[in-house]
Amino acid sequence: MNNYVKVHQPLNVDLRTQKTQTKLYTVLERFYVEDRTFESISIKDLCEQARVSRATFYRHHKEIIQVIEVQILRTMQYFSLEFDQIILTKENIQRLILRTIQKNPLLFQVIFWSRAENIFIDVVSGEILRISLLKEVSFSDSKFMPNCFARMILSLAAEIQQSNKDYTNDQLVELIQEAARFLQK
């Protein structure tokens, strides 16, 4: 594994676009918390609540689900930035993944609420593949393995949320290691 190559690549998105995305996504989170169904949200309603013009919305998105996709991409930007700052060990990568899940519980709830799981899998598996190429790690099947890892991360996030416990990062790492030991038997 090439430990010298940095994986973080800043997005060149202007500040106004970032603010617009934040407004739109924040309103989606509020709709989720208010227990609205995702299907009941119109672009007009979202834009009015976010105080964003529909023309601005359509300049960046074709449909509402893309607001969530951009938020996943933004989260992956923070992940890659933190990835570059850790010593690359299996346990440190596990901790980073778990910390990312723990720092973004509402994002995962919004993903499940909006049925954006496939978008999450596409974005995260693409990021896993990109990182593996940069770090010179190869998979025997370059589509299967990143997709499998992305699904595992999504399942892990769902399990953490459904448990209704406030696990520490250490406790979650131990649970993952326990599962790995079980699979090795």
N, C-alpha and C. Protein backbone atom coordinates (compact mmCIF):
# COMPACT_ATOMS: atom_id res chain seq x y z
N MET A 1 0.84 -1.17 0.00
CA MET A 1 0.00 0.00 0.00
C MET A 1 0.89 1.23 0.00
N ASN A 2 0.55 2.17 -0.84
CA ASN A 2 1.32 3.41 -0.93
C ASN A 2 0.82 4.38 0.14
N ASN A 3 1.59 4.55 1.20
CA ASN A 3 1.19 5.41 2.31
C ASN A 3 1.51 6.88 2.07
N TYR A 4 2.15 7.21 0.98
CA TYR A 4 2.57 8.58 0.73
C TYR A 4 1.59 9.37 -0.14
N VAL A 5 0.76 8.68 -0.86
CA VAL A 5 -0.19 9.35 -1.73
C VAL A 5 -1.38 9.81 -0.91
N LYS A 6 -1.75 11.08 -1.07
CA LYS A 6 -2.90 11.64 -0.38
C LYS A 6 -4.15 11.40 -1.21
N VAL A 7 -5.26 11.09 -0.56
CA VAL A 7 -6.48 10.76 -1.29
C VAL A 7 -7.46 11.94 -1.36
N HIS A 8 -7.32 12.90 -0.46
CA HIS A 8 -8.26 14.02 -0.45
C HIS A 8 -8.06 14.90 -1.67
N GLN A 9 -9.15 15.16 -2.38
CA GLN A 9 -9.14 16.08 -3.51
C GLN A 9 -10.25 17.09 -3.29
N PRO A 10 -9.90 18.30 -2.92
CA PRO A 10 -10.94 19.29 -2.64
C PRO A 10 -11.83 19.54 -3.84
N LEU A 11 -13.12 19.68 -3.57
CA LEU A 11 -14.05 20.04 -4.63
C LEU A 11 -13.95 21.53 -4.86
N ASN A 12 -13.91 21.92 -6.10
CA ASN A 12 -13.87 23.35 -6.42
C ASN A 12 -15.29 23.83 -6.63
N VAL A 13 -15.99 24.03 -5.50
CA VAL A 13 -17.37 24.48 -5.54
C VAL A 13 -17.40 25.83 -4.85
N ASP A 14 -17.99 26.81 -5.54
CA ASP A 14 -17.99 28.15 -4.95
C ASP A 14 -18.85 28.20 -3.69
N LEU A 15 -18.60 29.19 -2.89
CA LEU A 15 -19.24 29.33 -1.59
C LEU A 15 -20.76 29.46 -1.70
N ARG A 16 -21.24 30.18 -2.71
CA ARG A 16 -22.70 30.32 -2.88
C ARG A 16 -23.36 28.98 -3.14
N THR A 17 -22.72 28.16 -3.96
CA THR A 17 -23.27 26.83 -4.25
C THR A 17 -23.29 25.98 -2.99
N GLN A 18 -22.23 26.07 -2.19
CA GLN A 18 -22.18 25.32 -0.93
C GLN A 18 -23.29 25.77 0.02
N LYS A 19 -23.50 27.09 0.10
CA LYS A 19 -24.55 27.61 0.97
C LYS A 19 -25.93 27.15 0.50
N THR A 20 -26.13 27.16 -0.81
CA THR A 20 -27.40 26.69 -1.37
C THR A 20 -27.62 25.23 -1.02
N GLN A 21 -26.60 24.41 -1.20
CA GLN A 21 -26.71 22.99 -0.87
C GLN A 21 -27.03 22.80 0.61
N THR A 22 -26.37 23.55 1.45
CA THR A 22 -26.61 23.45 2.89
C THR A 22 -28.05 23.82 3.22
N LYS A 23 -28.56 24.88 2.62
CA LYS A 23 -29.95 25.28 2.86
C LYS A 23 -30.92 24.18 2.43
N LEU A 24 -30.72 23.65 1.24
CA LEU A 24 -31.62 22.62 0.71
C LEU A 24 -31.57 21.36 1.57
N TYR A 25 -30.37 20.94 1.91
CA TYR A 25 -30.24 19.72 2.70
C TYR A 25 -30.81 19.91 4.12
N THR A 26 -30.58 21.07 4.70
CA THR A 26 -31.10 21.34 6.04
C THR A 26 -32.63 21.26 6.06
N VAL A 27 -33.27 21.77 5.02
CA VAL A 27 -34.73 21.67 4.94
C VAL A 27 -35.15 20.21 4.80
N LEU A 28 -34.43 19.42 4.02
CA LEU A 28 -34.76 17.99 3.90
C LEU A 28 -34.65 17.31 5.26
N GLU A 29 -33.60 17.63 6.00
CA GLU A 29 -33.48 17.06 7.36
C GLU A 29 -34.68 17.45 8.22
N ARG A 30 -35.08 18.72 8.13
CA ARG A 30 -36.23 19.17 8.92
C ARG A 30 -37.50 18.42 8.50
N PHE A 31 -37.69 18.23 7.21
CA PHE A 31 -38.85 17.48 6.74
C PHE A 31 -38.83 16.06 7.30
N TYR A 32 -37.64 15.46 7.34
CA TYR A 32 -37.51 14.12 7.91
C TYR A 32 -37.91 14.13 9.39
N VAL A 33 -37.37 15.07 10.13
CA VAL A 33 -37.65 15.16 11.57
C VAL A 33 -39.13 15.42 11.81
N GLU A 34 -39.76 16.19 10.93
CA GLU A 34 -41.20 16.47 11.04
C GLU A 34 -42.05 15.28 10.60
N ASP A 35 -41.41 14.22 10.19
CA ASP A 35 -42.09 12.97 9.80
C ASP A 35 -42.89 13.08 8.50
N ARG A 36 -42.43 13.94 7.62
CA ARG A 36 -43.05 14.00 6.30
C ARG A 36 -42.53 12.84 5.47
N THR A 37 -43.30 12.38 4.54
CA THR A 37 -42.79 11.36 3.64
C THR A 37 -41.96 12.04 2.56
N PHE A 38 -40.93 11.37 2.15
CA PHE A 38 -40.05 11.93 1.13
C PHE A 38 -40.83 12.19 -0.17
N GLU A 39 -41.71 11.25 -0.49
CA GLU A 39 -42.48 11.36 -1.73
C GLU A 39 -43.44 12.56 -1.74
N SER A 40 -43.78 13.07 -0.56
CA SER A 40 -44.73 14.19 -0.50
C SER A 40 -44.06 15.54 -0.71
N ILE A 41 -42.76 15.57 -0.82
CA ILE A 41 -42.03 16.83 -0.93
C ILE A 41 -41.92 17.24 -2.40
N SER A 42 -42.32 18.44 -2.67
CA SER A 42 -42.18 18.96 -4.03
C SER A 42 -40.96 19.88 -4.09
N ILE A 43 -40.47 20.05 -5.28
CA ILE A 43 -39.33 20.96 -5.47
C ILE A 43 -39.75 22.37 -5.08
N LYS A 44 -40.97 22.74 -5.42
CA LYS A 44 -41.48 24.07 -5.06
C LYS A 44 -41.46 24.25 -3.54
N ASP A 45 -41.98 23.27 -2.82
CA ASP A 45 -42.02 23.33 -1.36
C ASP A 45 -40.61 23.39 -0.76
N LEU A 46 -39.72 22.54 -1.27
CA LEU A 46 -38.34 22.52 -0.78
C LEU A 46 -37.67 23.87 -1.00
N CYS A 47 -37.83 24.42 -2.19
CA CYS A 47 -37.19 25.70 -2.51
C CYS A 47 -37.77 26.84 -1.67
N GLU A 48 -39.08 26.85 -1.50
CA GLU A 48 -39.70 27.90 -0.67
C GLU A 48 -39.16 27.83 0.76
N GLN A 49 -39.12 26.65 1.33
CA GLN A 49 -38.66 26.48 2.71
C GLN A 49 -37.17 26.82 2.86
N ALA A 50 -36.40 26.52 1.83
CA ALA A 50 -34.95 26.79 1.88
C ALA A 50 -34.62 28.22 1.45
N ARG A 51 -35.64 28.92 0.95
CA ARG A 51 -35.44 30.28 0.42
C ARG A 51 -34.40 30.28 -0.71
N VAL A 52 -34.62 29.33 -1.61
CA VAL A 52 -33.77 29.18 -2.79
C VAL A 52 -34.71 29.20 -4.00
N SER A 53 -34.34 29.92 -5.03
CA SER A 53 -35.21 29.96 -6.21
C SER A 53 -35.21 28.61 -6.91
N ARG A 54 -36.31 28.33 -7.59
CA ARG A 54 -36.38 27.07 -8.34
C ARG A 54 -35.35 27.06 -9.46
N ALA A 55 -35.06 28.21 -10.04
CA ALA A 55 -34.04 28.29 -11.10
C ALA A 55 -32.68 27.88 -10.54
N THR A 56 -32.39 28.32 -9.31
CA THR A 56 -31.12 27.93 -8.67
C THR A 56 -31.11 26.44 -8.41
N PHE A 57 -32.22 25.91 -7.92
CA PHE A 57 -32.31 24.47 -7.68
C PHE A 57 -32.00 23.71 -8.96
N TYR A 58 -32.68 24.08 -10.05
CA TYR A 58 -32.51 23.36 -11.32
C TYR A 58 -31.14 23.59 -11.96
N ARG A 59 -30.45 24.64 -11.56
CA ARG A 59 -29.10 24.86 -12.06
C ARG A 59 -28.16 23.76 -11.53
N HIS A 60 -28.47 23.23 -10.34
CA HIS A 60 -27.59 22.26 -9.70
C HIS A 60 -28.16 20.85 -9.63
N HIS A 61 -29.48 20.71 -9.71
CA HIS A 61 -30.13 19.42 -9.52
C HIS A 61 -31.27 19.22 -10.51
N LYS A 62 -31.54 17.96 -10.80
CA LYS A 62 -32.72 17.63 -11.62
C LYS A 62 -33.87 17.17 -10.73
N GLU A 63 -33.51 16.56 -9.60
CA GLU A 63 -34.53 16.05 -8.69
C GLU A 63 -34.03 16.15 -7.25
N ILE A 64 -34.94 16.04 -6.31
CA ILE A 64 -34.63 16.26 -4.89
C ILE A 64 -33.60 15.26 -4.37
N ILE A 65 -33.66 14.03 -4.82
CA ILE A 65 -32.74 13.00 -4.31
C ILE A 65 -31.28 13.40 -4.52
N GLN A 66 -31.03 14.23 -5.52
CA GLN A 66 -29.66 14.67 -5.79
C GLN A 66 -29.11 15.58 -4.69
N VAL A 67 -29.99 16.23 -3.94
CA VAL A 67 -29.54 17.03 -2.80
C VAL A 67 -28.89 16.10 -1.77
N ILE A 68 -29.48 14.93 -1.59
CA ILE A 68 -28.92 13.95 -0.66
C ILE A 68 -27.62 13.37 -1.22
N GLU A 69 -27.59 13.13 -2.50
CA GLU A 69 -26.37 12.62 -3.14
C GLU A 69 -25.21 13.59 -2.94
N VAL A 70 -25.46 14.87 -3.11
CA VAL A 70 -24.41 15.88 -2.91
C VAL A 70 -23.97 15.87 -1.44
N GLN A 71 -24.91 15.69 -0.53
CA GLN A 71 -24.53 15.65 0.89
C GLN A 71 -23.66 14.43 1.19
N ILE A 72 -23.94 13.32 0.56
CA ILE A 72 -23.09 12.13 0.72
C ILE A 72 -21.69 12.43 0.17
N LEU A 73 -21.64 13.07 -0.98
CA LEU A 73 -20.34 13.44 -1.56
C LEU A 73 -19.57 14.39 -0.64
N ARG A 74 -20.27 15.33 -0.04
CA ARG A 74 -19.62 16.26 0.89
C ARG A 74 -19.07 15.51 2.11
N THR A 75 -19.84 14.55 2.59
CA THR A 75 -19.38 13.75 3.73
C THR A 75 -18.15 12.94 3.34
N MET A 76 -18.12 12.41 2.13
CA MET A 76 -16.96 11.67 1.67
C MET A 76 -15.74 12.58 1.55
N GLN A 77 -15.95 13.86 1.28
CA GLN A 77 -14.84 14.81 1.25
C GLN A 77 -14.19 14.92 2.62
N TYR A 78 -15.02 15.02 3.66
CA TYR A 78 -14.49 15.07 5.03
C TYR A 78 -13.80 13.76 5.38
N PHE A 79 -14.39 12.65 4.94
CA PHE A 79 -13.79 11.34 5.20
C PHE A 79 -12.40 11.26 4.57
N SER A 80 -12.27 11.65 3.32
CA SER A 80 -10.96 11.55 2.64
C SER A 80 -9.94 12.49 3.28
N LEU A 81 -10.38 13.63 3.75
CA LEU A 81 -9.47 14.55 4.44
C LEU A 81 -8.95 13.90 5.73
N GLU A 82 -9.84 13.28 6.49
CA GLU A 82 -9.42 12.60 7.72
C GLU A 82 -8.61 11.34 7.41
N PHE A 83 -8.93 10.67 6.32
CA PHE A 83 -8.21 9.47 5.91
C PHE A 83 -6.73 9.79 5.71
N ASP A 84 -6.46 10.95 5.12
CA ASP A 84 -5.07 11.37 4.88
C ASP A 84 -4.32 11.68 6.17
N GLN A 85 -5.04 11.87 7.26
CA GLN A 85 -4.40 12.27 8.51
C GLN A 85 -4.18 11.11 9.49
N ILE A 86 -4.56 9.90 9.10
CA ILE A 86 -4.39 8.77 10.01
C ILE A 86 -3.25 7.87 9.53
N ILE A 87 -2.71 7.11 10.46
CA ILE A 87 -1.76 6.06 10.10
C ILE A 87 -2.61 4.90 9.60
N LEU A 88 -2.30 4.42 8.40
CA LEU A 88 -3.15 3.43 7.75
C LEU A 88 -2.95 2.03 8.34
N THR A 89 -3.80 1.72 9.30
CA THR A 89 -3.89 0.38 9.83
C THR A 89 -5.35 -0.03 9.71
N LYS A 90 -5.59 -1.33 9.75
CA LYS A 90 -6.96 -1.82 9.65
C LYS A 90 -7.83 -1.21 10.75
N GLU A 91 -7.30 -1.17 11.97
CA GLU A 91 -8.08 -0.64 13.09
C GLU A 91 -8.35 0.86 12.95
N ASN A 92 -7.37 1.62 12.49
CA ASN A 92 -7.58 3.06 12.30
C ASN A 92 -8.61 3.35 11.21
N ILE A 93 -8.59 2.56 10.16
CA ILE A 93 -9.59 2.74 9.10
C ILE A 93 -10.97 2.38 9.63
N GLN A 94 -11.08 1.30 10.42
CA GLN A 94 -12.35 0.94 11.04
C GLN A 94 -12.85 2.08 11.92
N ARG A 95 -11.95 2.63 12.72
CA ARG A 95 -12.32 3.73 13.62
C ARG A 95 -12.82 4.95 12.83
N LEU A 96 -12.16 5.25 11.74
CA LEU A 96 -12.56 6.39 10.92
C LEU A 96 -13.94 6.16 10.30
N ILE A 97 -14.17 4.98 9.79
CA ILE A 97 -15.49 4.66 9.22
C ILE A 97 -16.56 4.79 10.30
N LEU A 98 -16.30 4.22 11.46
CA LEU A 98 -17.26 4.28 12.56
C LEU A 98 -17.48 5.72 13.03
N ARG A 99 -16.41 6.49 13.11
CA ARG A 99 -16.53 7.89 13.53
C ARG A 99 -17.37 8.67 12.52
N THR A 100 -17.19 8.38 11.24
CA THR A 100 -17.97 9.05 10.21
C THR A 100 -19.45 8.70 10.35
N ILE A 101 -19.74 7.44 10.61
CA ILE A 101 -21.13 7.03 10.83
C ILE A 101 -21.69 7.73 12.07
N GLN A 102 -20.92 7.75 13.15
CA GLN A 102 -21.39 8.34 14.40
C GLN A 102 -21.57 9.85 14.29
N LYS A 103 -20.76 10.53 13.48
CA LYS A 103 -20.87 11.97 13.33
C LYS A 103 -22.03 12.38 12.42
N ASN A 104 -22.58 11.44 11.68
CA ASN A 104 -23.61 11.76 10.68
C ASN A 104 -24.86 10.91 10.83
N PRO A 105 -25.39 10.75 12.05
CA PRO A 105 -26.55 9.86 12.20
C PRO A 105 -27.77 10.35 11.41
N LEU A 106 -27.98 11.65 11.37
CA LEU A 106 -29.14 12.17 10.65
C LEU A 106 -29.00 11.96 9.14
N LEU A 107 -27.79 12.04 8.62
CA LEU A 107 -27.59 11.77 7.19
C LEU A 107 -28.02 10.34 6.86
N PHE A 108 -27.62 9.39 7.69
CA PHE A 108 -28.01 8.01 7.41
C PHE A 108 -29.52 7.82 7.55
N GLN A 109 -30.12 8.50 8.51
CA GLN A 109 -31.58 8.42 8.64
C GLN A 109 -32.26 8.99 7.40
N VAL A 110 -31.73 10.09 6.88
CA VAL A 110 -32.27 10.70 5.66
C VAL A 110 -32.06 9.78 4.46
N ILE A 111 -30.94 9.11 4.40
CA ILE A 111 -30.68 8.16 3.32
C ILE A 111 -31.73 7.05 3.33
N PHE A 112 -31.99 6.48 4.50
CA PHE A 112 -32.99 5.41 4.59
C PHE A 112 -34.39 5.94 4.30
N TRP A 113 -34.71 7.11 4.83
CA TRP A 113 -36.02 7.74 4.66
C TRP A 113 -36.31 8.01 3.18
N SER A 114 -35.31 8.46 2.46
CA SER A 114 -35.49 8.84 1.05
C SER A 114 -35.25 7.67 0.10
N ARG A 115 -34.88 6.55 0.66
CA ARG A 115 -34.54 5.36 -0.13
C ARG A 115 -33.37 5.63 -1.09
N ALA A 116 -32.36 6.31 -0.56
CA ALA A 116 -31.18 6.67 -1.34
C ALA A 116 -30.03 5.69 -1.10
N GLU A 117 -30.34 4.48 -0.66
CA GLU A 117 -29.30 3.51 -0.35
C GLU A 117 -28.43 3.20 -1.56
N ASN A 118 -29.04 3.07 -2.73
CA ASN A 118 -28.25 2.76 -3.93
C ASN A 118 -27.33 3.92 -4.31
N ILE A 119 -27.79 5.13 -4.07
CA ILE A 119 -26.94 6.29 -4.32
C ILE A 119 -25.74 6.24 -3.37
N PHE A 120 -26.01 5.96 -2.09
CA PHE A 120 -24.93 5.84 -1.12
C PHE A 120 -23.93 4.78 -1.57
N ILE A 121 -24.42 3.63 -1.97
CA ILE A 121 -23.54 2.53 -2.39
C ILE A 121 -22.71 2.95 -3.60
N ASP A 122 -23.33 3.62 -4.57
CA ASP A 122 -22.58 4.07 -5.75
C ASP A 122 -21.48 5.06 -5.38
N VAL A 123 -21.83 6.05 -4.55
CA VAL A 123 -20.85 7.07 -4.18
C VAL A 123 -19.73 6.46 -3.35
N VAL A 124 -20.08 5.69 -2.33
CA VAL A 124 -19.07 5.15 -1.43
C VAL A 124 -18.22 4.08 -2.12
N SER A 125 -18.82 3.24 -2.93
CA SER A 125 -18.01 2.23 -3.63
C SER A 125 -17.06 2.91 -4.62
N GLY A 126 -17.52 3.98 -5.25
CA GLY A 126 -16.63 4.75 -6.12
C GLY A 126 -15.46 5.35 -5.36
N GLU A 127 -15.75 5.85 -4.16
CA GLU A 127 -14.69 6.44 -3.33
C GLU A 127 -13.72 5.35 -2.86
N ILE A 128 -14.24 4.19 -2.49
CA ILE A 128 -13.39 3.07 -2.08
C ILE A 128 -12.48 2.65 -3.24
N LEU A 129 -13.04 2.55 -4.42
CA LEU A 129 -12.25 2.17 -5.59
C LEU A 129 -11.19 3.24 -5.89
N ARG A 130 -11.58 4.51 -5.81
CA ARG A 130 -10.62 5.59 -6.06
C ARG A 130 -9.47 5.55 -5.06
N ILE A 131 -9.80 5.37 -3.77
CA ILE A 131 -8.77 5.31 -2.74
C ILE A 131 -7.88 4.09 -2.96
N SER A 132 -8.49 2.96 -3.29
CA SER A 132 -7.68 1.75 -3.49
C SER A 132 -6.71 1.91 -4.67
N LEU A 133 -7.16 2.57 -5.72
CA LEU A 133 -6.27 2.81 -6.86
C LEU A 133 -5.13 3.75 -6.48
N LEU A 134 -5.46 4.82 -5.74
CA LEU A 134 -4.41 5.75 -5.31
C LEU A 134 -3.42 5.09 -4.35
N LYS A 135 -3.92 4.21 -3.51
CA LYS A 135 -3.07 3.55 -2.51
C LYS A 135 -2.47 2.25 -3.04
N GLU A 136 -2.70 1.98 -4.33
CA GLU A 136 -2.14 0.80 -5.00
C GLU A 136 -2.56 -0.50 -4.31
N VAL A 137 -3.83 -0.56 -3.95
CA VAL A 137 -4.43 -1.77 -3.40
C VAL A 137 -5.36 -2.31 -4.47
N SER A 138 -5.20 -3.56 -4.82
CA SER A 138 -6.04 -4.11 -5.89
C SER A 138 -7.02 -5.13 -5.32
N PHE A 139 -8.16 -5.21 -5.97
CA PHE A 139 -9.19 -6.20 -5.64
C PHE A 139 -9.27 -7.18 -6.79
N SER A 140 -9.59 -8.42 -6.47
CA SER A 140 -9.74 -9.41 -7.54
C SER A 140 -10.92 -9.07 -8.43
N ASP A 141 -11.92 -8.40 -7.89
CA ASP A 141 -13.06 -7.93 -8.67
C ASP A 141 -13.30 -6.47 -8.27
N SER A 142 -12.95 -5.56 -9.17
CA SER A 142 -12.94 -4.14 -8.82
C SER A 142 -14.33 -3.52 -8.67
N LYS A 143 -15.37 -4.24 -9.00
CA LYS A 143 -16.73 -3.74 -8.75
C LYS A 143 -17.33 -4.42 -7.53
N PHE A 144 -17.16 -5.71 -7.43
CA PHE A 144 -17.77 -6.48 -6.35
C PHE A 144 -17.28 -6.02 -4.98
N MET A 145 -15.98 -5.94 -4.79
CA MET A 145 -15.43 -5.64 -3.46
C MET A 145 -15.81 -4.24 -2.97
N PRO A 146 -15.62 -3.18 -3.77
CA PRO A 146 -16.05 -1.87 -3.27
C PRO A 146 -17.56 -1.81 -2.97
N ASN A 147 -18.37 -2.44 -3.82
CA ASN A 147 -19.82 -2.48 -3.56
C ASN A 147 -20.11 -3.23 -2.26
N CYS A 148 -19.43 -4.33 -2.06
CA CYS A 148 -19.60 -5.12 -0.84
C CYS A 148 -19.24 -4.29 0.39
N PHE A 149 -18.11 -3.59 0.35
CA PHE A 149 -17.70 -2.75 1.47
C PHE A 149 -18.70 -1.62 1.71
N ALA A 150 -19.18 -1.00 0.64
CA ALA A 150 -20.16 0.09 0.78
C ALA A 150 -21.45 -0.42 1.41
N ARG A 151 -21.90 -1.61 0.99
CA ARG A 151 -23.11 -2.20 1.59
C ARG A 151 -22.88 -2.54 3.06
N MET A 152 -21.69 -3.01 3.38
CA MET A 152 -21.37 -3.32 4.78
C MET A 152 -21.41 -2.05 5.63
N ILE A 153 -20.88 -0.96 5.11
CA ILE A 153 -20.89 0.31 5.85
C ILE A 153 -22.33 0.77 6.06
N LEU A 154 -23.14 0.66 5.02
CA LEU A 154 -24.55 1.06 5.13
C LEU A 154 -25.29 0.18 6.13
N SER A 155 -25.03 -1.12 6.08
CA SER A 155 -25.65 -2.04 7.04
C SER A 155 -25.19 -1.76 8.46
N LEU A 156 -23.93 -1.45 8.61
CA LEU A 156 -23.39 -1.10 9.92
C LEU A 156 -24.08 0.15 10.47
N ALA A 157 -24.25 1.15 9.62
CA ALA A 157 -24.93 2.38 10.04
C ALA A 157 -26.37 2.08 10.46
N ALA A 158 -27.04 1.23 9.71
CA ALA A 158 -28.43 0.86 10.05
C ALA A 158 -28.47 0.11 11.38
N GLU A 159 -27.54 -0.79 11.59
CA GLU A 159 -27.49 -1.56 12.83
C GLU A 159 -27.21 -0.67 14.04
N ILE A 160 -26.31 0.28 13.88
CA ILE A 160 -25.99 1.21 14.97
C ILE A 160 -27.23 2.03 15.32
N GLN A 161 -27.94 2.50 14.30
CA GLN A 161 -29.14 3.30 14.56
C GLN A 161 -30.25 2.47 15.20
N GLN A 162 -30.44 1.26 14.73
CA GLN A 162 -31.52 0.43 15.25
C GLN A 162 -31.26 -0.06 16.66
N SER A 163 -30.01 -0.07 17.06
CA SER A 163 -29.69 -0.55 18.41
C SER A 163 -30.13 0.44 19.49
N ASN A 164 -30.27 1.72 19.12
CA ASN A 164 -30.64 2.77 20.08
C ASN A 164 -29.70 2.84 21.28
N LYS A 165 -28.44 2.48 21.07
CA LYS A 165 -27.43 2.59 22.11
C LYS A 165 -26.40 3.63 21.70
N ASP A 166 -25.82 4.25 22.69
CA ASP A 166 -24.74 5.20 22.43
C ASP A 166 -23.40 4.50 22.59
N TYR A 167 -23.03 3.74 21.57
CA TYR A 167 -21.76 3.04 21.59
C TYR A 167 -20.62 4.04 21.46
N THR A 168 -19.53 3.75 22.14
CA THR A 168 -18.31 4.51 21.90
C THR A 168 -17.65 3.93 20.66
N ASN A 169 -16.71 4.65 20.12
CA ASN A 169 -15.97 4.16 18.96
C ASN A 169 -15.25 2.86 19.33
N ASP A 170 -14.65 2.81 20.51
CA ASP A 170 -13.94 1.60 20.96
C ASP A 170 -14.88 0.40 21.05
N GLN A 171 -16.08 0.60 21.56
CA GLN A 171 -17.03 -0.50 21.67
C GLN A 171 -17.42 -1.02 20.29
N LEU A 172 -17.62 -0.11 19.35
CA LEU A 172 -17.99 -0.52 17.99
C LEU A 172 -16.85 -1.25 17.30
N VAL A 173 -15.63 -0.78 17.48
CA VAL A 173 -14.47 -1.47 16.91
C VAL A 173 -14.40 -2.88 17.48
N GLU A 174 -14.60 -3.03 18.77
CA GLU A 174 -14.57 -4.36 19.40
C GLU A 174 -15.67 -5.25 18.84
N LEU A 175 -16.86 -4.71 18.62
CA LEU A 175 -17.94 -5.50 18.03
C LEU A 175 -17.60 -5.96 16.61
N ILE A 176 -16.99 -5.09 15.84
CA ILE A 176 -16.58 -5.46 14.47
C ILE A 176 -15.51 -6.54 14.52
N GLN A 177 -14.56 -6.37 15.43
CA GLN A 177 -13.50 -7.38 15.56
C GLN A 177 -14.07 -8.73 16.04
N GLU A 178 -15.06 -8.66 16.91
CA GLU A 178 -15.73 -9.88 17.37
C GLU A 178 -16.42 -10.59 16.20
N ALA A 179 -17.08 -9.81 15.36
CA ALA A 179 -17.74 -10.38 14.18
C ALA A 179 -16.71 -11.00 13.24
N ALA A 180 -15.58 -10.33 13.04
CA ALA A 180 -14.53 -10.85 12.18
C ALA A 180 -13.95 -12.16 12.74
N ARG A 181 -13.76 -12.21 14.06
CA ARG A 181 -13.27 -13.45 14.68
C ARG A 181 -14.26 -14.59 14.48
N PHE A 182 -15.54 -14.28 14.61
CA PHE A 182 -16.58 -15.29 14.42
C PHE A 182 -16.54 -15.84 13.00
N LEU A 183 -16.37 -14.96 12.02
CA LEU A 183 -16.34 -15.38 10.62
C LEU A 183 -15.10 -16.21 10.29
N GLN A 184 -14.03 -16.03 11.06
CA GLN A 184 -12.80 -16.77 10.81
C GLN A 184 -12.84 -18.18 11.39
N LYS A 185 -13.82 -18.46 12.24
CA LYS A 185 -13.90 -19.79 12.88
C LYS A 185 -14.39 -20.82 11.93
